PDB file of N, CA and C in Angstrom:
ATOM      1  N   MET A   1     -12.672  -3.789  16.590  1.00  0.00           N
ATOM      2  CA  MET A   1     -12.343  -3.881  14.985  1.00  0.00           C
ATOM      3  C   MET A   1     -13.328  -2.901  14.081  1.00  0.00           C
ATOM      4  N   GLN A   2     -14.197  -2.952  15.115  1.00  0.00           N
ATOM      5  CA  GLN A   2     -15.797  -2.750  14.069  1.00  0.00           C
ATOM      6  C   GLN A   2     -15.072  -1.064  13.649  1.00  0.00           C
ATOM      7  N   ALA A   3     -14.502  -0.228  14.394  1.00  0.00           N
ATOM      8  CA  ALA A   3     -14.434   1.133  14.682  1.00  0.00           C
ATOM      9  C   ALA A   3     -13.139   1.429  13.156  1.00  0.00           C
ATOM     10  N   PHE A   4     -12.616   0.282  12.532  1.00  0.00           N
ATOM     11  CA  PHE A   4     -12.020  -0.029  11.542  1.00  0.00           C
ATOM     12  C   PHE A   4     -12.203   0.020  10.310  1.00  0.00           C
ATOM     13  N   ARG A   5     -13.531  -0.240  10.260  1.00  0.00           N
ATOM     14  CA  ARG A   5     -13.844  -1.250   8.735  1.00  0.00           C
ATOM     15  C   ARG A   5     -13.633  -0.220   7.517  1.00  0.00           C
ATOM     16  N   SER A   6     -13.718   1.064   7.618  1.00  0.00           N
ATOM     17  CA  SER A   6     -13.209   2.017   6.733  1.00  0.00           C
ATOM     18  C   SER A   6     -12.040   2.615   6.344  1.00  0.00           C
ATOM     19  N   TRP A   7     -11.141   1.754   7.168  1.00  0.00           N
ATOM     20  CA  TRP A   7      -9.758   1.824   7.214  1.00  0.00           C
ATOM     21  C   TRP A   7      -8.935   0.481   7.191  1.00  0.00           C
ATOM     22  N   PRO A   8      -8.989  -0.293   5.807  1.00  0.00           N
ATOM     23  CA  PRO A   8      -8.619  -1.541   5.536  1.00  0.00           C
ATOM     24  C   PRO A   8      -6.784  -1.663   6.056  1.00  0.00           C
ATOM     25  N   ASN A   9      -6.253  -1.022   5.686  1.00  0.00           N
ATOM     26  CA  ASN A   9      -5.044  -0.790   6.364  1.00  0.00           C
ATOM     27  C   ASN A   9      -4.293  -0.888   7.868  1.00  0.00           C
ATOM     28  N   ALA A  10      -5.317  -0.200   8.237  1.00  0.00           N
ATOM     29  CA  ALA A  10      -4.749   0.057   9.911  1.00  0.00           C
ATOM     30  C   ALA A  10      -5.916  -1.131  10.460  1.00  0.00           C
ATOM     31  N   ARG A  11      -6.525  -1.809  10.065  1.00  0.00           N
ATOM     32  CA  ARG A  11      -7.126  -2.960  10.763  1.00  0.00           C
ATOM     33  C   ARG A  11      -6.280  -4.309  10.549  1.00  0.00           C
ATOM     34  N   ALA A  12      -5.961  -4.174   9.015  1.00  0.00           N
ATOM     35  CA  ALA A  12      -4.862  -5.274   9.137  1.00  0.00           C
ATOM     36  C   ALA A  12      -3.811  -5.140   9.677  1.00  0.00           C
ATOM     37  N   HIS A  13      -3.040  -3.933   9.799  1.00  0.00           N
ATOM     38  CA  HIS A  13      -1.652  -3.845  10.808  1.00  0.00           C
ATOM     39  C   HIS A  13      -2.222  -4.099  12.324  1.00  0.00           C
ATOM     40  N   LEU A  14      -3.708  -3.926  12.563  1.00  0.00           N
ATOM     41  CA  LEU A  14      -3.775  -3.607  14.419  1.00  0.00           C
ATOM     42  C   LEU A  14      -3.706  -5.978  14.324  1.00  0.00           C
ATOM     43  N   ALA A  15      -5.243  -6.230  12.990  1.00  0.00           N
ATOM     44  CA  ALA A  15      -4.685  -7.396  13.481  1.00  0.00           C
ATOM     45  C   ALA A  15      -3.916  -8.425  13.681  1.00  0.00           C
ATOM     46  N   HIS A  16      -2.834  -7.718  12.702  1.00  0.00           N
ATOM     47  CA  HIS A  16      -1.233  -8.457  12.198  1.00  0.00           C
ATOM     48  C   HIS A  16      -0.586  -8.552  14.225  1.00  0.00           C
ATOM     49  N   CYS A  17      -0.416  -7.179  14.698  1.00  0.00           N
ATOM     50  CA  CYS A  17       0.108  -6.836  15.795  1.00  0.00           C
ATOM     51  C   CYS A  17      -0.931  -8.055  16.886  1.00  0.00           C
ATOM     52  N   LEU A  18      -2.027  -7.640  16.803  1.00  0.00           N
ATOM     53  CA  LEU A  18      -3.110  -8.553  18.257  1.00  0.00           C
ATOM     54  C   LEU A  18      -2.767 -10.364  17.533  1.00  0.00           C
ATOM     55  N   ASP A  19      -2.139 -10.716  16.127  1.00  0.00           N
ATOM     56  CA  ASP A  19      -1.967 -11.829  16.582  1.00  0.00           C
ATOM     57  C   ASP A  19      -0.476 -12.348  17.267  1.00  0.00           C
ATOM     58  N   ASN A  20       0.141 -11.318  17.482  1.00  0.00           N
ATOM     59  CA  ASN A  20       1.304 -11.582  18.226  1.00  0.00           C
ATOM     60  C   ASN A  20       2.251 -12.842  17.767  1.00  0.00           C
ATOM     61  N   THR A  21       2.188 -13.048  16.318  1.00  0.00           N
ATOM     62  CA  THR A  21       2.978 -14.057  16.237  1.00  0.00           C
ATOM     63  C   THR A  21       4.464 -13.646  15.200  1.00  0.00           C
ATOM     64  N   GLY A  22       4.661 -12.409  15.947  1.00  0.00           N
ATOM     65  CA  GLY A  22       6.312 -11.840  15.733  1.00  0.00           C
ATOM     66  C   GLY A  22       6.917 -11.882  13.961  1.00  0.00           C
ATOM     67  N   THR A  23       5.885 -12.427  13.294  1.00  0.00           N
ATOM     68  CA  THR A  23       6.447 -12.521  12.022  1.00  0.00           C
ATOM     69  C   THR A  23       6.477 -10.631  11.243  1.00  0.00           C
ATOM     70  N   ASP A  24       7.428 -10.836  10.203  1.00  0.00           N
ATOM     71  CA  ASP A  24       7.249  -9.216   9.565  1.00  0.00           C
ATOM     72  C   ASP A  24       6.055  -9.015   8.947  1.00  0.00           C
ATOM     73  N   TYR A  25       5.593  -8.398   8.495  1.00  0.00           N
ATOM     74  CA  TYR A  25       4.374  -7.743   7.755  1.00  0.00           C
ATOM     75  C   TYR A  25       4.957  -6.516   6.748  1.00  0.00           C
ATOM     76  N   THR A  26       4.351  -7.118   5.769  1.00  0.00           N
ATOM     77  CA  THR A  26       4.855  -6.472   4.277  1.00  0.00           C
ATOM     78  C   THR A  26       3.658  -5.181   4.473  1.00  0.00           C
ATOM     79  N   ILE A  27       4.066  -4.086   4.218  1.00  0.00           N
ATOM     80  CA  ILE A  27       2.889  -2.980   3.847  1.00  0.00           C
ATOM     81  C   ILE A  27       2.502  -2.871   2.354  1.00  0.00           C
ATOM     82  N   ASP A  28       1.370  -2.569   1.806  1.00  0.00           N
ATOM     83  CA  ASP A  28       1.089  -2.551   0.469  1.00  0.00           C
ATOM     84  C   ASP A  28       1.297  -1.010   0.084  1.00  0.00           C
ATOM     85  N   LEU A  29       2.592  -1.307  -0.679  1.00  0.00           N
ATOM     86  CA  LEU A  29       3.418   0.270  -0.551  1.00  0.00           C
ATOM     87  C   LEU A  29       2.471   0.756  -1.793  1.00  0.00           C
ATOM     88  N   GLU A  30       2.016   0.356  -3.088  1.00  0.00           N
ATOM     89  CA  GLU A  30       1.225   0.426  -4.193  1.00  0.00           C
ATOM     90  C   GLU A  30       0.040   1.015  -3.161  1.00  0.00           C
ATOM     91  N   GLY A  31      -0.996   0.585  -2.304  1.00  0.00           N
ATOM     92  CA  GLY A  31      -1.579   1.024  -1.770  1.00  0.00           C
ATOM     93  C   GLY A  31      -1.568   2.403  -1.138  1.00  0.00           C
ATOM     94  N   LEU A  32      -0.233   2.216  -0.329  1.00  0.00           N
ATOM     95  CA  LEU A  32       0.178   3.792   0.337  1.00  0.00           C
ATOM     96  C   LEU A  32      -0.068   4.588  -0.821  1.00  0.00           C
ATOM     97  N   LEU A  33       0.970   4.169  -1.948  1.00  0.00           N
ATOM     98  CA  LEU A  33       1.464   5.538  -2.741  1.00  0.00           C
ATOM     99  C   LEU A  33      -0.324   6.299  -3.529  1.00  0.00           C
ATOM    100  N   ARG A  34      -0.982   5.170  -3.899  1.00  0.00           N
ATOM    101  CA  ARG A  34      -2.580   5.067  -4.452  1.00  0.00           C
ATOM    102  C   ARG A  34      -2.903   5.721  -3.425  1.00  0.00           C
ATOM    103  N   ASP A  35      -3.648   5.830  -2.210  1.00  0.00           N
ATOM    104  CA  ASP A  35      -3.968   6.685  -1.481  1.00  0.00           C
ATOM    105  C   ASP A  35      -3.662   7.852  -1.164  1.00  0.00           C
ATOM    106  N   SER A  36      -2.280   8.261  -0.853  1.00  0.00           N
ATOM    107  CA  SER A  36      -1.475   9.467   0.199  1.00  0.00           C
ATOM    108  C   SER A  36      -0.563  10.224  -0.900  1.00  0.00           C
ATOM    109  N   GLN A  37      -1.399  11.268  -1.320  1.00  0.00           N
ATOM    110  CA  GLN A  37      -0.497  12.319  -2.354  1.00  0.00           C
ATOM    111  C   GLN A  37       0.482  12.874  -1.603  1.00  0.00           C
ATOM    112  N   GLN A  38       1.197  12.884  -0.297  1.00  0.00           N
ATOM    113  CA  GLN A  38       2.039  12.824   0.149  1.00  0.00           C
ATOM    114  C   GLN A  38       3.386  11.947  -0.022  1.00  0.00           C
ATOM    115  N   ALA A  39       3.080  10.443   0.206  1.00  0.00           N
ATOM    116  CA  ALA A  39       3.584   9.721  -0.562  1.00  0.00           C
ATOM    117  C   ALA A  39       3.980   9.555  -1.352  1.00  0.00           C
ATOM    118  N   ARG A  40       3.492   9.746  -2.349  1.00  0.00           N
ATOM    119  CA  ARG A  40       3.650   9.664  -4.384  1.00  0.00           C
ATOM    120  C   ARG A  40       4.196  10.889  -4.443  1.00  0.00           C
ATOM    121  N   ASP A  41       3.797  12.440  -3.483  1.00  0.00           N
ATOM    122  CA  ASP A  41       5.480  13.097  -3.526  1.00  0.00           C
ATOM    123  C   ASP A  41       6.669  13.002  -3.373  1.00  0.00           C
ATOM    124  N   LEU A  42       6.425  12.161  -1.871  1.00  0.00           N
ATOM    125  CA  LEU A  42       7.875  11.713  -1.520  1.00  0.00           C
ATOM    126  C   LEU A  42       8.547  10.448  -2.480  1.00  0.00           C
ATOM    127  N   PHE A  43       7.770  10.004  -2.944  1.00  0.00           N
ATOM    128  CA  PHE A  43       8.772   8.777  -3.866  1.00  0.00           C
ATOM    129  C   PHE A  43       8.843   9.449  -5.429  1.00  0.00           C
ATOM    130  N   LYS A  44       8.164  10.702  -5.822  1.00  0.00           N
ATOM    131  CA  LYS A  44       8.415  10.504  -7.028  1.00  0.00           C
ATOM    132  C   LYS A  44       9.979  12.209  -6.544  1.00  0.00           C
ATOM    133  N   ASP A  45       9.926  12.429  -5.564  1.00  0.00           N
ATOM    134  CA  ASP A  45      10.867  13.477  -5.325  1.00  0.00           C
ATOM    135  C   ASP A  45      12.517  12.563  -5.248  1.00  0.00           C
ATOM    136  N   GLU A  46      12.237  11.690  -4.779  1.00  0.00           N
ATOM    137  CA  GLU A  46      13.457  10.558  -4.366  1.00  0.00           C
ATOM    138  C   GLU A  46      13.877   9.589  -5.872  1.00  0.00           C
ATOM    139  N   LEU A  47      12.800   9.545  -6.671  1.00  0.00           N
ATOM    140  CA  LEU A  47      12.795   9.252  -8.033  1.00  0.00           C
ATOM    141  C   LEU A  47      13.306  10.243  -8.604  1.00  0.00           C
ATOM    142  N   ARG A  48      13.657  11.127  -8.637  1.00  0.00           N
ATOM    143  CA  ARG A  48      13.810  12.926  -9.220  1.00  0.00           C
ATOM    144  C   ARG A  48      15.388  12.798  -8.834  1.00  0.00           C
ATOM    145  N   GLN A  49      15.522  12.766  -7.761  1.00  0.00           N
ATOM    146  CA  GLN A  49      17.006  12.933  -6.989  1.00  0.00           C
ATOM    147  C   GLN A  49      18.172  11.391  -7.469  1.00  0.00           C
ATOM    148  N   ALA A  50      17.350  10.404  -7.639  1.00  0.00           N
ATOM    149  CA  ALA A  50      18.006   9.234  -8.481  1.00  0.00           C
ATOM    150  C   ALA A  50      18.521   9.656  -9.703  1.00  0.00           C
ATOM    151  N   GLN A  51      17.154  10.305 -10.389  1.00  0.00           N
ATOM    152  CA  GLN A  51      17.952  10.201 -11.607  1.00  0.00           C
ATOM    153  C   GLN A  51      18.640  11.183 -12.065  1.00  0.00           C
ATOM    154  N   ALA A  52      18.779  12.524 -11.532  1.00  0.00           N
ATOM    155  CA  ALA A  52      19.552  13.363 -11.241  1.00  0.00           C
ATOM    156  C   ALA A  52      21.204  12.774 -10.756  1.00  0.00           C
ATOM    157  N   PHE A  53      21.247  12.310  -9.999  1.00  0.00           N
ATOM    158  CA  PHE A  53      22.358  11.833  -9.630  1.00  0.00           C
ATOM    159  C   PHE A  53      23.093  10.964 -10.704  1.00  0.00           C
ATOM    160  N   VAL A  54      22.196   9.696 -11.284  1.00  0.00           N
ATOM    161  CA  VAL A  54      22.730   8.917 -12.437  1.00  0.00           C
ATOM    162  C   VAL A  54      23.120   9.572 -13.468  1.00  0.00           C
ATOM    163  N   GLU A  55      22.128  10.623 -13.932  1.00  0.00           N
ATOM    164  CA  GLU A  55      22.661  11.357 -15.327  1.00  0.00           C
ATOM    165  C   GLU A  55      24.143  12.188 -15.207  1.00  0.00           C
ATOM    166  N   ARG A  56      25.008  12.094 -13.912  1.00  0.00           N
ATOM    167  CA  ARG A  56      25.917  12.888 -13.493  1.00  0.00           C
ATOM    168  C   ARG A  56      27.084  11.477 -13.715  1.00  0.00           C
ATOM    169  N   LEU A  57      26.828  10.669 -13.495  1.00  0.00           N
ATOM    170  CA  LEU A  57      28.022   9.474 -13.504  1.00  0.00           C
ATOM    171  C   LEU A  57      28.503   8.722 -15.063  1.00  0.00           C
ATOM    172  N   PRO A  58      29.758   8.930 -15.462  1.00  0.00           N
ATOM    173  CA  PRO A  58      30.423   8.022 -16.170  1.00  0.00           C
ATOM    174  C   PRO A  58      29.783   7.102 -16.952  1.00  0.00           C
ATOM    175  N   GLU A  59      29.525   6.467 -17.949  1.00  0.00           N
ATOM    176  CA  GLU A  59      28.987   5.166 -18.704  1.00  0.00           C
ATOM    177  C   GLU A  59      29.404   3.958 -17.706  1.00  0.00           C
ATOM    178  N   GLY A  60      28.291   3.287 -17.629  1.00  0.00           N
ATOM    179  CA  GLY A  60      28.922   1.966 -16.817  1.00  0.00           C
ATOM    180  C   GLY A  60      27.488   1.644 -16.366  1.00  0.00           C
ATOM    181  N   GLU A  61      27.857   0.424 -15.732  1.00  0.00           N
ATOM    182  CA  GLU A  61      27.039  -0.399 -14.910  1.00  0.00           C
ATOM    183  C   GLU A  61      26.964   0.497 -12.938  1.00  0.00           C
ATOM    184  N   TRP A  62      25.945   0.795 -12.496  1.00  0.00           N
ATOM    185  CA  TRP A  62      26.303   1.167 -11.000  1.00  0.00           C
ATOM    186  C   TRP A  62      25.377   1.044  -9.781  1.00  0.00           C
ATOM    187  N   ASN A  63      25.801   0.301  -8.787  1.00  0.00           N
ATOM    188  CA  ASN A  63      24.675   0.651  -7.816  1.00  0.00           C
ATOM    189  C   ASN A  63      24.676   1.963  -7.183  1.00  0.00           C
ATOM    190  N   ILE A  64      23.767   2.521  -6.924  1.00  0.00           N
ATOM    191  CA  ILE A  64      23.380   3.382  -6.584  1.00  0.00           C
ATOM    192  C   ILE A  64      22.579   3.579  -5.105  1.00  0.00           C
ATOM    193  N   THR A  65      22.851   4.107  -3.622  1.00  0.00           N
ATOM    194  CA  THR A  65      21.895   4.250  -3.163  1.00  0.00           C
ATOM    195  C   THR A  65      22.478   5.501  -2.273  1.00  0.00           C
ATOM    196  N   SER A  66      21.025   6.088  -1.844  1.00  0.00           N
ATOM    197  CA  SER A  66      21.298   7.381  -1.505  1.00  0.00           C
ATOM    198  C   SER A  66      21.658   7.380   0.188  1.00  0.00           C
ATOM    199  N   GLY A  67      22.412   9.109   0.287  1.00  0.00           N
ATOM    200  CA  GLY A  67      23.318   9.063   1.311  1.00  0.00           C
ATOM    201  C   GLY A  67      22.339   9.496   2.787  1.00  0.00           C
ATOM    202  N   ALA A  68      20.910   9.862   2.325  1.00  0.00           N
ATOM    203  CA  ALA A  68      19.750  10.264   3.216  1.00  0.00           C
ATOM    204  C   ALA A  68      18.945   9.741   3.431  1.00  0.00           C
ATOM    205  N   VAL A  69      18.307   9.278   4.376  1.00  0.00           N
ATOM    206  CA  VAL A  69      17.093   9.643   4.551  1.00  0.00           C
ATOM    207  C   VAL A  69      15.740  10.449   4.396  1.00  0.00           C
ATOM    208  N   SER A  70      14.505  10.209   4.012  1.00  0.00           N
ATOM    209  CA  SER A  70      13.696  10.852   4.223  1.00  0.00           C
ATOM    210  C   SER A  70      12.291  10.442   4.886  1.00  0.00           C
ATOM    211  N   THR A  71      12.552  11.245   6.030  1.00  0.00           N
ATOM    212  CA  THR A  71      10.985  10.767   7.062  1.00  0.00           C
ATOM    213  C   THR A  71       9.909  11.401   7.096  1.00  0.00           C
ATOM    214  N   GLN A  72       8.858  11.078   6.774  1.00  0.00           N
ATOM    215  CA  GLN A  72       7.267  11.855   7.096  1.00  0.00           C
ATOM    216  C   GLN A  72       6.487  10.904   8.031  1.00  0.00           C
ATOM    217  N   TYR A  73       5.558  12.093   8.772  1.00  0.00           N
ATOM    218  CA  TYR A  73       4.142  10.875   8.673  1.00  0.00           C
ATOM    219  C   TYR A  73       3.077  11.637   7.544  1.00  0.00           C
ATOM    220  N   VAL A  74       2.624  10.267   7.635  1.00  0.00           N
ATOM    221  CA  VAL A  74       1.106  10.027   6.684  1.00  0.00           C
ATOM    222  C   VAL A  74       0.279  11.360   7.752  1.00  0.00           C
ATOM    223  N   THR A  75      -0.531  12.328   7.195  1.00  0.00           N
ATOM    224  CA  THR A  75      -1.174  13.306   7.603  1.00  0.00           C
ATOM    225  C   THR A  75      -2.632  13.653   6.413  1.00  0.00           C
ATOM    226  N   ASP A  76      -2.007  12.759   5.349  1.00  0.00           N
ATOM    227  CA  ASP A  76      -3.546  12.947   4.458  1.00  0.00           C
ATOM    228  C   ASP A  76      -4.358  11.889   4.492  1.00  0.00           C
ATOM    229  N   SER A  77      -3.964  10.882   5.248  1.00  0.00           N
ATOM    230  CA  SER A  77      -4.353   9.617   5.191  1.00  0.00           C
ATOM    231  C   SER A  77      -5.351   9.050   6.538  1.00  0.00           C
ATOM    232  N   LYS A  78      -6.048   9.016   6.888  1.00  0.00           N
ATOM    233  CA  LYS A  78      -6.194   8.403   8.569  1.00  0.00           C
ATOM    234  C   LYS A  78      -6.286   6.986   8.404  1.00  0.00           C
ATOM    235  N   ASP A  79      -6.373   6.208   7.236  1.00  0.00           N
ATOM    236  CA  ASP A  79      -6.190   4.739   7.072  1.00  0.00           C
ATOM    237  C   ASP A  79      -4.648   4.641   7.692  1.00  0.00           C
ATOM    238  N   TRP A  80      -3.813   5.265   6.264  1.00  0.00           N
ATOM    239  CA  TRP A  80      -2.470   5.412   6.844  1.00  0.00           C
ATOM    240  C   TRP A  80      -1.582   5.774   8.099  1.00  0.00           C
ATOM    241  N   TYR A  81      -2.619   6.830   8.696  1.00  0.00           N
ATOM    242  CA  TYR A  81      -1.774   7.147   9.430  1.00  0.00           C
ATOM    243  C   TYR A  81      -1.775   6.119  10.665  1.00  0.00           C
ATOM    244  N   TYR A  82      -3.050   5.677  11.007  1.00  0.00           N
ATOM    245  CA  TYR A  82      -3.280   4.384  11.652  1.00  0.00           C
ATOM    246  C   TYR A  82      -2.580   3.381  11.459  1.00  0.00           C
ATOM    247  N   ALA A  83      -2.331   3.245  10.305  1.00  0.00           N
ATOM    248  CA  ALA A  83      -1.585   1.728   9.645  1.00  0.00           C
ATOM    249  C   ALA A  83      -0.490   1.651  10.223  1.00  0.00           C
ATOM    250  N   VAL A  84       0.670   3.056   9.763  1.00  0.00           N
ATOM    251  CA  VAL A  84       1.844   3.054   9.971  1.00  0.00           C
ATOM    252  C   VAL A  84       2.065   4.383  10.660  1.00  0.00           C
ATOM    253  N   GLY A  85       1.602   4.686  10.466  1.00  0.00           N
ATOM    254  CA  GLY A  85       1.713   6.247  11.245  1.00  0.00           C
ATOM    255  C   GLY A  85       3.191   7.346  10.550  1.00  0.00           C
ATOM    256  N   GLY A  86       3.865   6.930  10.319  1.00  0.00           N
ATOM    257  CA  GLY A  86       4.977   7.784   9.265  1.00  0.00           C
ATOM    258  C   GLY A  86       6.351   6.763   8.583  1.00  0.00           C
ATOM    259  N   TYR A  87       6.955   6.447   7.611  1.00  0.00           N
ATOM    260  CA  TYR A  87       7.837   6.028   7.196  1.00  0.00           C
ATOM    261  C   TYR A  87       9.163   6.963   6.906  1.00  0.00           C
ATOM    262  N   SER A  88       9.715   6.112   6.446  1.00  0.00           N
ATOM    263  CA  SER A  88      11.215   6.812   5.802  1.00  0.00           C
ATOM    264  C   SER A  88      11.637   5.882   4.503  1.00  0.00           C
ATOM    265  N   ALA A  89      12.338   6.763   3.667  1.00  0.00           N
ATOM    266  CA  ALA A  89      12.487   6.671   2.097  1.00  0.00           C
ATOM    267  C   ALA A  89      13.417   6.903   1.776  1.00  0.00           C
ATOM    268  N   TRP A  90      14.440   6.220   1.194  1.00  0.00           N
ATOM    269  CA  TRP A  90      15.413   6.349   0.051  1.00  0.00           C
ATOM    270  C   TRP A  90      15.773   5.720  -1.328  1.00  0.00           C
ATOM    271  N   GLU A  91      16.286   6.027  -1.527  1.00  0.00           N
ATOM    272  CA  GLU A  91      16.843   5.200  -3.383  1.00  0.00           C
ATOM    273  C   GLU A  91      17.938   4.502  -3.050  1.00  0.00           C
ATOM    274  N   LYS A  92      17.678   3.134  -3.889  1.00  0.00           N
ATOM    275  CA  LYS A  92      18.524   2.318  -3.629  1.00  0.00           C
ATOM    276  C   LYS A  92      18.437   1.431  -5.108  1.00  0.00           C
ATOM    277  N   GLY A  93      19.337   1.381  -6.333  1.00  0.00           N
ATOM    278  CA  GLY A  93      18.784   0.687  -7.081  1.00  0.00           C
ATOM    279  C   GLY A  93      20.209   0.471  -7.968  1.00  0.00           C
ATOM    280  N   ARG A  94      20.107  -0.036  -9.310  1.00  0.00           N
ATOM    281  CA  ARG A  94      21.096  -0.148 -10.164  1.00  0.00           C
ATOM    282  C   ARG A  94      20.865   0.531 -11.850  1.00  0.00           C
ATOM    283  N   ALA A  95      21.715   1.185 -11.817  1.00  0.00           N
ATOM    284  CA  ALA A  95      21.811   1.876 -13.151  1.00  0.00           C
ATOM    285  C   ALA A  95      22.253   1.857 -14.248  1.00  0.00           C
ATOM    286  N   LYS A  96      22.229   1.835 -15.350  1.00  0.00           N
ATOM    287  CA  LYS A  96      23.328   1.552 -16.821  1.00  0.00           C
ATOM    288  C   LYS A  96      23.374   2.489 -17.216  1.00  0.00           C
ATOM    289  N   VAL A  97      24.504   3.807 -17.525  1.00  0.00           N
ATOM    290  CA  VAL A  97      24.782   4.976 -17.648  1.00  0.00           C
ATOM    291  C   VAL A  97      25.371   4.614 -19.353  1.00  0.00           C
ATOM    292  N   LYS A  98      24.897   4.895 -20.559  1.00  0.00           N
ATOM    293  CA  LYS A  98      25.183   4.992 -21.910  1.00  0.00           C
ATOM    294  C   LYS A  98      25.311   6.362 -22.616  1.00  0.00           C
ATOM    295  N   CYS A  99      26.515   6.626 -22.762  1.00  0.00           N
ATOM    296  CA  CYS A  99      26.608   8.066 -23.593  1.00  0.00           C
ATOM    297  C   CYS A  99      26.556   8.261 -24.690  1.00  0.00           C
TER     298      CYS A  99
END
């Protein structure tokens, strides 16, 4: 684990894996978005797509889910690359449209 000292997320993910508990591991999404410009760009793009879709809806309350998944590998942070490698993103939420 000494080699992972400067990669806290990779270290935490590896430790969880080696603990072999079988429990889910929740990543630090805010940390990923803070540390990776790629992740921030994808997040903003997904948000723009959701907003553009909602702006075309008639007045009312809507549950929305994107029809496609965006997948990418983390190449701008070694810590996050070794922690998760890659990830998928899609929009899902509730929108209230008032005209």
